[in-house]
Amino acid sequence: GSSTNYADSVKGRFTISRDNAKRTVSLQMNSLKPEDTGTYYCV
C-alpha cells in the first residue's frame, strides 16, 4: 500500500487504497465525469 499509480485522466480525482487486514482494495472516485463510465475490474 506504499506505492500507487494512476492513469493521467484520473489523477487528482481517484484514490486507490487497501486494507490488508480486511483483504480489501478500494477505489474512491470523486468529481466523476461522463468519460469515467465503464465496467471497472479489480485485477
PDB file of all heavy atoms in Angstrom:
ATOM      1  N   GLY A   1       0.789  -1.216   0.000  1.00  0.00           N
ATOM      2  CA  GLY A   1       0.000   0.000   0.000  1.00  0.00           C
ATOM      3  C   GLY A   1       0.820   1.264   0.000  1.00  0.00           C
ATOM      4  O   GLY A   1       0.261   2.367   0.077  1.00  0.00           O
ATOM      5  N   SER A   2       2.137   1.137  -0.112  1.00  0.00           N
ATOM      6  CA  SER A   2       3.011   2.299  -0.026  1.00  0.00           C
ATOM      7  C   SER A   2       3.248   2.981  -1.363  1.00  0.00           C
ATOM      8  O   SER A   2       3.738   4.113  -1.397  1.00  0.00           O
ATOM      9  CB  SER A   2       4.355   1.908   0.594  1.00  0.00           C
ATOM     10  OG  SER A   2       5.044   0.985  -0.228  1.00  0.00           O
ATOM     11  N   SER A   3       2.933   2.312  -2.451  1.00  0.00           N
ATOM     12  CA  SER A   3       3.166   2.873  -3.765  1.00  0.00           C
ATOM     13  C   SER A   3       1.915   2.727  -4.613  1.00  0.00           C
ATOM     14  O   SER A   3       1.320   1.649  -4.671  1.00  0.00           O
ATOM     15  CB  SER A   3       4.349   2.173  -4.445  1.00  0.00           C
ATOM     16  OG  SER A   3       4.599   2.708  -5.724  1.00  0.00           O
ATOM     17  N   THR A   4       1.530   3.807  -5.265  1.00  0.00           N
ATOM     18  CA  THR A   4       0.357   3.803  -6.135  1.00  0.00           C
ATOM     19  C   THR A   4       0.682   4.470  -7.453  1.00  0.00           C
ATOM     20  O   THR A   4       1.621   5.262  -7.557  1.00  0.00           O
ATOM     21  CB  THR A   4      -0.827   4.541  -5.491  1.00  0.00           C
ATOM     22  OG1 THR A   4      -0.449   5.905  -5.234  1.00  0.00           O
ATOM     23  CG2 THR A   4      -1.232   3.884  -4.178  1.00  0.00           C
ATOM     24  N   ASN A   5      -0.097   4.152  -8.471  1.00  0.00           N
ATOM     25  CA  ASN A   5      -0.018   4.894  -9.711  1.00  0.00           C
ATOM     26  C   ASN A   5      -1.399   4.994 -10.332  1.00  0.00           C
ATOM     27  O   ASN A   5      -2.299   4.207 -10.030  1.00  0.00           O
ATOM     28  CB  ASN A   5       1.018   4.309 -10.686  1.00  0.00           C
ATOM     29  CG  ASN A   5       0.803   2.842 -10.989  1.00  0.00           C
ATOM     30  OD1 ASN A   5      -0.295   2.417 -11.343  1.00  0.00           O
ATOM     31  ND2 ASN A   5       1.868   2.063 -10.874  1.00  0.00           N
ATOM     32  N   TYR A   6      -1.552   5.995 -11.207  1.00  0.00           N
ATOM     33  CA  TYR A   6      -2.845   6.331 -11.771  1.00  0.00           C
ATOM     34  C   TYR A   6      -2.702   6.708 -13.231  1.00  0.00           C
ATOM     35  O   TYR A   6      -1.672   7.235 -13.658  1.00  0.00           O
ATOM     36  CB  TYR A   6      -3.477   7.519 -11.043  1.00  0.00           C
ATOM     37  CG  TYR A   6      -3.712   7.306  -9.577  1.00  0.00           C
ATOM     38  CD1 TYR A   6      -2.733   7.637  -8.644  1.00  0.00           C
ATOM     39  CD2 TYR A   6      -4.917   6.781  -9.125  1.00  0.00           C
ATOM     40  CE1 TYR A   6      -2.953   7.442  -7.289  1.00  0.00           C
ATOM     41  CE2 TYR A   6      -5.141   6.584  -7.776  1.00  0.00           C
ATOM     42  CZ  TYR A   6      -4.155   6.917  -6.863  1.00  0.00           C
ATOM     43  OH  TYR A   6      -4.375   6.724  -5.521  1.00  0.00           O
ATOM     44  N   ALA A   7      -3.750   6.440 -13.977  1.00  0.00           N
ATOM     45  CA  ALA A   7      -3.830   6.987 -15.316  1.00  0.00           C
ATOM     46  C   ALA A   7      -3.930   8.504 -15.233  1.00  0.00           C
ATOM     47  O   ALA A   7      -4.528   9.056 -14.302  1.00  0.00           O
ATOM     48  CB  ALA A   7      -5.046   6.429 -16.053  1.00  0.00           C
ATOM     49  N   ASP A   8      -3.343   9.186 -16.206  1.00  0.00           N
ATOM     50  CA  ASP A   8      -3.364  10.645 -16.188  1.00  0.00           C
ATOM     51  C   ASP A   8      -4.785  11.201 -16.122  1.00  0.00           C
ATOM     52  O   ASP A   8      -5.024  12.241 -15.501  1.00  0.00           O
ATOM     53  CB  ASP A   8      -2.662  11.199 -17.426  1.00  0.00           C
ATOM     54  CG  ASP A   8      -1.160  11.026 -17.385  1.00  0.00           C
ATOM     55  OD1 ASP A   8      -0.610  10.801 -16.287  1.00  0.00           O
ATOM     56  OD2 ASP A   8      -0.527  11.123 -18.446  1.00  0.00           O
ATOM     57  N   SER A   9      -5.722  10.512 -16.738  1.00  0.00           N
ATOM     58  CA  SER A   9      -7.083  11.011 -16.810  1.00  0.00           C
ATOM     59  C   SER A   9      -7.800  11.038 -15.466  1.00  0.00           C
ATOM     60  O   SER A   9      -8.818  11.724 -15.328  1.00  0.00           O
ATOM     61  CB  SER A   9      -7.897  10.171 -17.800  1.00  0.00           C
ATOM     62  OG  SER A   9      -7.972   8.826 -17.386  1.00  0.00           O
ATOM     63  N   VAL A  10      -7.290  10.309 -14.472  1.00  0.00           N
ATOM     64  CA  VAL A  10      -7.964  10.240 -13.176  1.00  0.00           C
ATOM     65  C   VAL A  10      -7.140  10.820 -12.047  1.00  0.00           C
ATOM     66  O   VAL A  10      -7.628  10.888 -10.904  1.00  0.00           O
ATOM     67  CB  VAL A  10      -8.382   8.796 -12.822  1.00  0.00           C
ATOM     68  CG1 VAL A  10      -9.192   8.182 -13.956  1.00  0.00           C
ATOM     69  CG2 VAL A  10      -7.165   7.937 -12.499  1.00  0.00           C
ATOM     70  N   LYS A  11      -5.928  11.247 -12.313  1.00  0.00           N
ATOM     71  CA  LYS A  11      -5.081  11.802 -11.259  1.00  0.00           C
ATOM     72  C   LYS A  11      -5.744  13.004 -10.604  1.00  0.00           C
ATOM     73  O   LYS A  11      -6.272  13.881 -11.271  1.00  0.00           O
ATOM     74  CB  LYS A  11      -3.720  12.203 -11.823  1.00  0.00           C
ATOM     75  CG  LYS A  11      -2.818  11.027 -12.136  1.00  0.00           C
ATOM     76  CD  LYS A  11      -1.472  11.492 -12.672  1.00  0.00           C
ATOM     77  CE  LYS A  11      -0.565  10.320 -12.962  1.00  0.00           C
ATOM     78  NZ  LYS A  11       0.727  10.747 -13.553  1.00  0.00           N
ATOM     79  N   GLY A  12      -5.706  13.023  -9.286  1.00  0.00           N
ATOM     80  CA  GLY A  12      -6.316  14.093  -8.530  1.00  0.00           C
ATOM     81  C   GLY A  12      -7.782  13.884  -8.242  1.00  0.00           C
ATOM     82  O   GLY A  12      -8.363  14.633  -7.438  1.00  0.00           O
ATOM     83  N   ARG A  13      -8.394  12.893  -8.884  1.00  0.00           N
ATOM     84  CA  ARG A  13      -9.812  12.620  -8.676  1.00  0.00           C
ATOM     85  C   ARG A  13     -10.064  11.252  -8.055  1.00  0.00           C
ATOM     86  O   ARG A  13     -11.015  11.089  -7.288  1.00  0.00           O
ATOM     87  CB  ARG A  13     -10.579  12.719  -9.994  1.00  0.00           C
ATOM     88  CG  ARG A  13     -10.497  14.095 -10.644  1.00  0.00           C
ATOM     89  CD  ARG A  13     -11.423  14.205 -11.847  1.00  0.00           C
ATOM     90  NE  ARG A  13     -11.060  13.257 -12.896  1.00  0.00           N
ATOM     91  CZ  ARG A  13     -11.840  12.259 -13.323  1.00  0.00           C
ATOM     92  NH1 ARG A  13     -13.048  12.082 -12.787  1.00  0.00           N
ATOM     93  NH2 ARG A  13     -11.426  11.453 -14.287  1.00  0.00           N
ATOM     94  N   PHE A  14      -9.248  10.275  -8.407  1.00  0.00           N
ATOM     95  CA  PHE A  14      -9.404   8.912  -7.901  1.00  0.00           C
ATOM     96  C   PHE A  14      -8.299   8.613  -6.902  1.00  0.00           C
ATOM     97  O   PHE A  14      -7.160   9.076  -7.060  1.00  0.00           O
ATOM     98  CB  PHE A  14      -9.314   7.891  -9.035  1.00  0.00           C
ATOM     99  CG  PHE A  14     -10.471   7.882  -9.998  1.00  0.00           C
ATOM    100  CD1 PHE A  14     -11.427   8.884  -9.999  1.00  0.00           C
ATOM    101  CD2 PHE A  14     -10.588   6.848 -10.912  1.00  0.00           C
ATOM    102  CE1 PHE A  14     -12.480   8.865 -10.896  1.00  0.00           C
ATOM    103  CE2 PHE A  14     -11.637   6.811 -11.812  1.00  0.00           C
ATOM    104  CZ  PHE A  14     -12.582   7.817 -11.806  1.00  0.00           C
ATOM    105  N   THR A  15      -8.630   7.807  -5.903  1.00  0.00           N
ATOM    106  CA  THR A  15      -7.653   7.363  -4.922  1.00  0.00           C
ATOM    107  C   THR A  15      -7.822   5.874  -4.678  1.00  0.00           C
ATOM    108  O   THR A  15      -8.919   5.418  -4.343  1.00  0.00           O
ATOM    109  CB  THR A  15      -7.806   8.111  -3.591  1.00  0.00           C
ATOM    110  OG1 THR A  15      -7.678   9.521  -3.804  1.00  0.00           O
ATOM    111  CG2 THR A  15      -6.728   7.657  -2.603  1.00  0.00           C
ATOM    112  N   ILE A  16      -6.747   5.127  -4.847  1.00  0.00           N
ATOM    113  CA  ILE A  16      -6.768   3.706  -4.564  1.00  0.00           C
ATOM    114  C   ILE A  16      -6.150   3.467  -3.193  1.00  0.00           C
ATOM    115  O   ILE A  16      -5.184   4.131  -2.806  1.00  0.00           O
ATOM    116  CB  ILE A  16      -6.038   2.898  -5.662  1.00  0.00           C
ATOM    117  CG1 ILE A  16      -6.247   1.397  -5.471  1.00  0.00           C
ATOM    118  CG2 ILE A  16      -4.555   3.243  -5.713  1.00  0.00           C
ATOM    119  CD1 ILE A  16      -5.763   0.557  -6.653  1.00  0.00           C
ATOM    120  N   SER A  17      -6.718   2.539  -2.450  1.00  0.00           N
ATOM    121  CA  SER A  17      -6.206   2.205  -1.127  1.00  0.00           C
ATOM    122  C   SER A  17      -6.456   0.732  -0.857  1.00  0.00           C
ATOM    123  O   SER A  17      -7.224   0.075  -1.565  1.00  0.00           O
ATOM    124  CB  SER A  17      -6.857   3.069  -0.045  1.00  0.00           C
ATOM    125  OG  SER A  17      -8.259   2.867  -0.009  1.00  0.00           O
ATOM    126  N   ARG A  18      -5.797   0.229   0.171  1.00  0.00           N
ATOM    127  CA  ARG A  18      -6.031  -1.165   0.539  1.00  0.00           C
ATOM    128  C   ARG A  18      -5.939  -1.334   2.043  1.00  0.00           C
ATOM    129  O   ARG A  18      -5.247  -0.588   2.737  1.00  0.00           O
ATOM    130  CB  ARG A  18      -5.055  -2.099  -0.182  1.00  0.00           C
ATOM    131  CG  ARG A  18      -3.607  -1.987   0.249  1.00  0.00           C
ATOM    132  CD  ARG A  18      -2.709  -2.788  -0.710  1.00  0.00           C
ATOM    133  NE  ARG A  18      -3.018  -4.210  -0.694  1.00  0.00           N
ATOM    134  CZ  ARG A  18      -2.634  -5.075  -1.632  1.00  0.00           C
ATOM    135  NH1 ARG A  18      -1.928  -4.648  -2.685  1.00  0.00           N
ATOM    136  NH2 ARG A  18      -2.957  -6.356  -1.536  1.00  0.00           N
ATOM    137  N   ASP A  19      -6.672  -2.322   2.518  1.00  0.00           N
ATOM    138  CA  ASP A  19      -6.643  -2.719   3.915  1.00  0.00           C
ATOM    139  C   ASP A  19      -6.269  -4.188   3.916  1.00  0.00           C
ATOM    140  O   ASP A  19      -7.113  -5.050   3.663  1.00  0.00           O
ATOM    141  CB  ASP A  19      -7.993  -2.484   4.579  1.00  0.00           C
ATOM    142  CG  ASP A  19      -7.979  -2.773   6.070  1.00  0.00           C
ATOM    143  OD1 ASP A  19      -7.184  -3.617   6.523  1.00  0.00           O
ATOM    144  OD2 ASP A  19      -8.775  -2.148   6.792  1.00  0.00           O
ATOM    145  N   ASN A  20      -5.009  -4.463   4.166  1.00  0.00           N
ATOM    146  CA  ASN A  20      -4.534  -5.832   4.045  1.00  0.00           C
ATOM    147  C   ASN A  20      -5.098  -6.750   5.132  1.00  0.00           C
ATOM    148  O   ASN A  20      -5.211  -7.956   4.916  1.00  0.00           O
ATOM    149  CB  ASN A  20      -3.008  -5.866   4.058  1.00  0.00           C
ATOM    150  CG  ASN A  20      -2.412  -5.353   2.763  1.00  0.00           C
ATOM    151  OD1 ASN A  20      -3.082  -5.311   1.736  1.00  0.00           O
ATOM    152  ND2 ASN A  20      -1.146  -4.965   2.803  1.00  0.00           N
ATOM    153  N   ALA A  21      -5.441  -6.182   6.290  1.00  0.00           N
ATOM    154  CA  ALA A  21      -6.055  -6.987   7.338  1.00  0.00           C
ATOM    155  C   ALA A  21      -7.439  -7.460   6.916  1.00  0.00           C
ATOM    156  O   ALA A  21      -7.824  -8.600   7.189  1.00  0.00           O
ATOM    157  CB  ALA A  21      -6.125  -6.206   8.647  1.00  0.00           C
ATOM    158  N   LYS A  22      -8.196  -6.573   6.269  1.00  0.00           N
ATOM    159  CA  LYS A  22      -9.525  -6.926   5.782  1.00  0.00           C
ATOM    160  C   LYS A  22      -9.492  -7.569   4.402  1.00  0.00           C
ATOM    161  O   LYS A  22     -10.523  -8.046   3.921  1.00  0.00           O
ATOM    162  CB  LYS A  22     -10.417  -5.690   5.744  1.00  0.00           C
ATOM    163  CG  LYS A  22     -10.705  -5.084   7.105  1.00  0.00           C
ATOM    164  CD  LYS A  22     -11.615  -3.877   6.981  1.00  0.00           C
ATOM    165  CE  LYS A  22     -11.939  -3.282   8.336  1.00  0.00           C
ATOM    166  NZ  LYS A  22     -12.803  -2.081   8.207  1.00  0.00           N
ATOM    167  N   ARG A  23      -8.341  -7.555   3.779  1.00  0.00           N
ATOM    168  CA  ARG A  23      -8.165  -8.119   2.437  1.00  0.00           C
ATOM    169  C   ARG A  23      -9.093  -7.437   1.435  1.00  0.00           C
ATOM    170  O   ARG A  23      -9.794  -8.088   0.646  1.00  0.00           O
ATOM    171  CB  ARG A  23      -8.389  -9.624   2.437  1.00  0.00           C
ATOM    172  CG  ARG A  23      -7.557 -10.355   3.479  1.00  0.00           C
ATOM    173  CD  ARG A  23      -7.526 -11.869   3.302  1.00  0.00           C
ATOM    174  NE  ARG A  23      -8.645 -12.430   2.577  1.00  0.00           N
ATOM    175  CZ  ARG A  23      -9.805 -12.784   3.130  1.00  0.00           C
ATOM    176  NH1 ARG A  23     -10.021 -12.611   4.414  1.00  0.00           N
ATOM    177  NH2 ARG A  23     -10.747 -13.326   2.364  1.00  0.00           N
ATOM    178  N   THR A  24      -9.108  -6.126   1.453  1.00  0.00           N
ATOM    179  CA  THR A  24      -9.908  -5.364   0.514  1.00  0.00           C
ATOM    180  C   THR A  24      -9.071  -4.276  -0.136  1.00  0.00           C
ATOM    181  O   THR A  24      -8.103  -3.781   0.437  1.00  0.00           O
ATOM    182  CB  THR A  24     -11.127  -4.707   1.179  1.00  0.00           C
ATOM    183  OG1 THR A  24     -10.694  -3.812   2.208  1.00  0.00           O
ATOM    184  CG2 THR A  24     -12.053  -5.751   1.763  1.00  0.00           C
ATOM    185  N   VAL A  25      -9.462  -3.914  -1.337  1.00  0.00           N
ATOM    186  CA  VAL A  25      -8.879  -2.807  -2.078  1.00  0.00           C
ATOM    187  C   VAL A  25     -10.017  -1.925  -2.547  1.00  0.00           C
ATOM    188  O   VAL A  25     -11.025  -2.426  -3.051  1.00  0.00           O
ATOM    189  CB  VAL A  25      -8.049  -3.297  -3.273  1.00  0.00           C
ATOM    190  CG1 VAL A  25      -7.531  -2.115  -4.089  1.00  0.00           C
ATOM    191  CG2 VAL A  25      -6.883  -4.159  -2.802  1.00  0.00           C
ATOM    192  N   SER A  26      -9.867  -0.614  -2.387  1.00  0.00           N
ATOM    193  CA  SER A  26     -10.930   0.312  -2.733  1.00  0.00           C
ATOM    194  C   SER A  26     -10.447   1.331  -3.746  1.00  0.00           C
ATOM    195  O   SER A  26      -9.257   1.620  -3.845  1.00  0.00           O
ATOM    196  CB  SER A  26     -11.448   1.036  -1.492  1.00  0.00           C
ATOM    197  OG  SER A  26     -12.060   0.133  -0.594  1.00  0.00           O
ATOM    198  N   LEU A  27     -11.393   1.868  -4.481  1.00  0.00           N
ATOM    199  CA  LEU A  27     -11.134   2.966  -5.402  1.00  0.00           C
ATOM    200  C   LEU A  27     -12.156   4.049  -5.128  1.00  0.00           C
ATOM    201  O   LEU A  27     -13.342   3.878  -5.422  1.00  0.00           O
ATOM    202  CB  LEU A  27     -11.222   2.502  -6.856  1.00  0.00           C
ATOM    203  CG  LEU A  27     -10.869   3.555  -7.907  1.00  0.00           C
ATOM    204  CD1 LEU A  27      -9.377   3.893  -7.841  1.00  0.00           C
ATOM    205  CD2 LEU A  27     -11.236   3.075  -9.306  1.00  0.00           C
ATOM    206  N   GLN A  28     -11.701   5.146  -4.531  1.00  0.00           N
ATOM    207  CA  GLN A  28     -12.553   6.299  -4.297  1.00  0.00           C
ATOM    208  C   GLN A  28     -12.538   7.156  -5.547  1.00  0.00           C
ATOM    209  O   GLN A  28     -11.477   7.603  -5.986  1.00  0.00           O
ATOM    210  CB  GLN A  28     -12.065   7.095  -3.092  1.00  0.00           C
ATOM    211  CG  GLN A  28     -12.905   8.324  -2.775  1.00  0.00           C
ATOM    212  CD  GLN A  28     -14.300   7.972  -2.330  1.00  0.00           C
ATOM    213  OE1 GLN A  28     -14.487   7.081  -1.520  1.00  0.00           O
ATOM    214  NE2 GLN A  28     -15.290   8.665  -2.882  1.00  0.00           N
ATOM    215  N   MET A  29     -13.708   7.400  -6.107  1.00  0.00           N
ATOM    216  CA  MET A  29     -13.847   8.114  -7.357  1.00  0.00           C
ATOM    217  C   MET A  29     -14.629   9.398  -7.098  1.00  0.00           C
ATOM    218  O   MET A  29     -15.821   9.352  -6.794  1.00  0.00           O
ATOM    219  CB  MET A  29     -14.568   7.247  -8.395  1.00  0.00           C
ATOM    220  CG  MET A  29     -13.966   5.851  -8.542  1.00  0.00           C
ATOM    221  SD  MET A  29     -15.053   4.697  -9.423  1.00  0.00           S
ATOM    222  CE  MET A  29     -15.045   5.417 -11.058  1.00  0.00           C
ATOM    223  N   ASN A  30     -13.957  10.526  -7.221  1.00  0.00           N
ATOM    224  CA  ASN A  30     -14.572  11.828  -6.993  1.00  0.00           C
ATOM    225  C   ASN A  30     -14.604  12.637  -8.281  1.00  0.00           C
ATOM    226  O   ASN A  30     -13.888  12.347  -9.232  1.00  0.00           O
ATOM    227  CB  ASN A  30     -13.803  12.603  -5.922  1.00  0.00           C
ATOM    228  CG  ASN A  30     -13.813  11.925  -4.580  1.00  0.00           C
ATOM    229  OD1 ASN A  30     -14.773  11.260  -4.207  1.00  0.00           O
ATOM    230  ND2 ASN A  30     -12.729  12.113  -3.820  1.00  0.00           N
ATOM    231  N   SER A  31     -15.429  13.668  -8.274  1.00  0.00           N
ATOM    232  CA  SER A  31     -15.547  14.565  -9.426  1.00  0.00           C
ATOM    233  C   SER A  31     -15.730  13.787 -10.716  1.00  0.00           C
ATOM    234  O   SER A  31     -15.059  14.026 -11.723  1.00  0.00           O
ATOM    235  CB  SER A  31     -14.312  15.473  -9.514  1.00  0.00           C
ATOM    236  OG  SER A  31     -14.152  16.234  -8.338  1.00  0.00           O
ATOM    237  N   LEU A  32     -16.655  12.858 -10.689  1.00  0.00           N
ATOM    238  CA  LEU A  32     -16.823  11.945 -11.810  1.00  0.00           C
ATOM    239  C   LEU A  32     -17.296  12.667 -13.064  1.00  0.00           C
ATOM    240  O   LEU A  32     -18.084  13.614 -13.012  1.00  0.00           O
ATOM    241  CB  LEU A  32     -17.795  10.829 -11.437  1.00  0.00           C
ATOM    242  CG  LEU A  32     -17.184   9.754 -10.539  1.00  0.00           C
ATOM    243  CD1 LEU A  32     -18.272   8.939  -9.859  1.00  0.00           C
ATOM    244  CD2 LEU A  32     -16.274   8.842 -11.361  1.00  0.00           C
ATOM    245  N   LYS A  33     -16.796  12.181 -14.180  1.00  0.00           N
ATOM    246  CA  LYS A  33     -17.111  12.717 -15.495  1.00  0.00           C
ATOM    247  C   LYS A  33     -17.770  11.638 -16.339  1.00  0.00           C
ATOM    248  O   LYS A  33     -17.557  10.446 -16.104  1.00  0.00           O
ATOM    249  CB  LYS A  33     -15.834  13.191 -16.195  1.00  0.00           C
ATOM    250  CG  LYS A  33     -15.021  14.203 -15.414  1.00  0.00           C
ATOM    251  CD  LYS A  33     -13.717  14.509 -16.131  1.00  0.00           C
ATOM    252  CE  LYS A  33     -12.879  15.506 -15.366  1.00  0.00           C
ATOM    253  NZ  LYS A  33     -11.596  15.795 -16.057  1.00  0.00           N
ATOM    254  N   PRO A  34     -18.548  12.029 -17.346  1.00  0.00           N
ATOM    255  CA  PRO A  34     -19.155  11.019 -18.217  1.00  0.00           C
ATOM    256  C   PRO A  34     -18.132  10.059 -18.828  1.00  0.00           C
ATOM    257  O   PRO A  34     -18.436   8.879 -19.014  1.00  0.00           O
ATOM    258  CB  PRO A  34     -19.849  11.856 -19.292  1.00  0.00           C
ATOM    259  CG  PRO A  34     -20.205  13.124 -18.585  1.00  0.00           C
ATOM    260  CD  PRO A  34     -19.048  13.382 -17.649  1.00  0.00           C
ATOM    261  N   GLU A  35     -16.949  10.546 -19.125  1.00  0.00           N
ATOM    262  CA  GLU A  35     -15.930   9.690 -19.710  1.00  0.00           C
ATOM    263  C   GLU A  35     -15.362   8.664 -18.738  1.00  0.00           C
ATOM    264  O   GLU A  35     -14.588   7.787 -19.144  1.00  0.00           O
ATOM    265  CB  GLU A  35     -14.794  10.521 -20.327  1.00  0.00           C
ATOM    266  CG  GLU A  35     -14.225  11.569 -19.391  1.00  0.00           C
ATOM    267  CD  GLU A  35     -14.821  12.950 -19.626  1.00  0.00           C
ATOM    268  OE1 GLU A  35     -16.054  13.055 -19.757  1.00  0.00           O
ATOM    269  OE2 GLU A  35     -14.047  13.931 -19.675  1.00  0.00           O
ATOM    270  N   ASP A  36     -15.724   8.753 -17.462  1.00  0.00           N
ATOM    271  CA  ASP A  36     -15.343   7.732 -16.495  1.00  0.00           C
ATOM    272  C   ASP A  36     -16.244   6.506 -16.578  1.00  0.00           C
ATOM    273  O   ASP A  36     -15.970   5.495 -15.923  1.00  0.00           O
ATOM    274  CB  ASP A  36     -15.395   8.285 -15.071  1.00  0.00           C
ATOM    275  CG  ASP A  36     -14.382   9.392 -14.830  1.00  0.00           C
ATOM    276  OD1 ASP A  36     -13.252   9.294 -15.336  1.00  0.00           O
ATOM    277  OD2 ASP A  36     -14.733  10.358 -14.114  1.00  0.00           O
ATOM    278  N   THR A  37     -17.302   6.593 -17.347  1.00  0.00           N
ATOM    279  CA  THR A  37     -18.240   5.488 -17.487  1.00  0.00           C
ATOM    280  C   THR A  37     -17.552   4.248 -18.040  1.00  0.00           C
ATOM    281  O   THR A  37     -16.727   4.328 -18.956  1.00  0.00           O
ATOM    282  CB  THR A  37     -19.401   5.895 -18.401  1.00  0.00           C
ATOM    283  OG1 THR A  37     -20.172   6.922 -17.768  1.00  0.00           O
ATOM    284  CG2 THR A  37     -20.318   4.716 -18.695  1.00  0.00           C
ATOM    285  N   GLY A  38     -17.885   3.105 -17.487  1.00  0.00           N
ATOM    286  CA  GLY A  38     -17.345   1.848 -17.968  1.00  0.00           C
ATOM    287  C   GLY A  38     -17.514   0.758 -16.939  1.00  0.00           C
ATOM    288  O   GLY A  38     -18.069   0.971 -15.861  1.00  0.00           O
ATOM    289  N   THR A  39     -17.041  -0.414 -17.294  1.00  0.00           N
ATOM    290  CA  THR A  39     -17.008  -1.528 -16.363  1.00  0.00           C
ATOM    291  C   THR A  39     -15.635  -1.554 -15.703  1.00  0.00           C
ATOM    292  O   THR A  39     -14.617  -1.584 -16.393  1.00  0.00           O
ATOM    293  CB  THR A  39     -17.280  -2.862 -17.073  1.00  0.00           C
ATOM    294  OG1 THR A  39     -18.542  -2.797 -17.728  1.00  0.00           O
ATOM    295  CG2 THR A  39     -17.304  -4.004 -16.069  1.00  0.00           C
ATOM    296  N   TYR A  40     -15.627  -1.535 -14.398  1.00  0.00           N
ATOM    297  CA  TYR A  40     -14.382  -1.498 -13.637  1.00  0.00           C
ATOM    298  C   TYR A  40     -14.080  -2.877 -13.073  1.00  0.00           C
ATOM    299  O   TYR A  40     -14.890  -3.471 -12.363  1.00  0.00           O
ATOM    300  CB  TYR A  40     -14.475  -0.472 -12.514  1.00  0.00           C
ATOM    301  CG  TYR A  40     -14.362   0.956 -13.005  1.00  0.00           C
ATOM    302  CD1 TYR A  40     -15.396   1.550 -13.718  1.00  0.00           C
ATOM    303  CD2 TYR A  40     -13.208   1.696 -12.762  1.00  0.00           C
ATOM    304  CE1 TYR A  40     -15.286   2.848 -14.187  1.00  0.00           C
ATOM    305  CE2 TYR A  40     -13.090   2.996 -13.224  1.00  0.00           C
ATOM    306  CZ  TYR A  40     -14.134   3.563 -13.936  1.00  0.00           C
ATOM    307  OH  TYR A  40     -14.015   4.863 -14.394  1.00  0.00           O
ATOM    308  N   TYR A  41     -12.897  -3.366 -13.400  1.00  0.00           N
ATOM    309  CA  TYR A  41     -12.447  -4.673 -12.959  1.00  0.00           C
ATOM    310  C   TYR A  41     -11.339  -4.532 -11.927  1.00  0.00           C
ATOM    311  O   TYR A  41     -10.414  -3.735 -12.100  1.00  0.00           O
ATOM    312  CB  TYR A  41     -11.903  -5.489 -14.136  1.00  0.00           C
ATOM    313  CG  TYR A  41     -12.932  -5.815 -15.187  1.00  0.00           C
ATOM    314  CD1 TYR A  41     -13.177  -4.947 -16.240  1.00  0.00           C
ATOM    315  CD2 TYR A  41     -13.659  -7.001 -15.129  1.00  0.00           C
ATOM    316  CE1 TYR A  41     -14.122  -5.242 -17.211  1.00  0.00           C
ATOM    317  CE2 TYR A  41     -14.599  -7.303 -16.089  1.00  0.00           C
ATOM    318  CZ  TYR A  41     -14.822  -6.424 -17.128  1.00  0.00           C
ATOM    319  OH  TYR A  41     -15.756  -6.722 -18.090  1.00  0.00           O
ATOM    320  N   CYS A  42     -11.436  -5.313 -10.892  1.00  0.00           N
ATOM    321  CA  CYS A  42     -10.360  -5.454  -9.928  1.00  0.00           C
ATOM    322  C   CYS A  42      -9.472  -6.599 -10.393  1.00  0.00           C
ATOM    323  O   CYS A  42      -9.961  -7.688 -10.688  1.00  0.00           O
ATOM    324  CB  CYS A  42     -10.934  -5.743  -8.543  1.00  0.00           C
ATOM    325  SG  CYS A  42      -9.704  -6.012  -7.250  1.00  0.00           S
ATOM    326  N   VAL A  43      -8.170  -6.337 -10.472  1.00  0.00           N
ATOM    327  CA  VAL A  43      -7.242  -7.312 -11.031  1.00  0.00           C
ATOM    328  C   VAL A  43      -6.015  -7.419 -10.148  1.00  0.00           C
ATOM    329  O   VAL A  43      -5.377  -6.413  -9.836  1.00  0.00           O
ATOM    330  CB  VAL A  43      -6.792  -6.915 -12.451  1.00  0.00           C
ATOM    331  CG1 VAL A  43      -6.083  -8.083 -13.119  1.00  0.00           C
ATOM    332  CG2 VAL A  43      -7.969  -6.455 -13.294  1.00  0.00           C
TER     333      VAL A  43
END
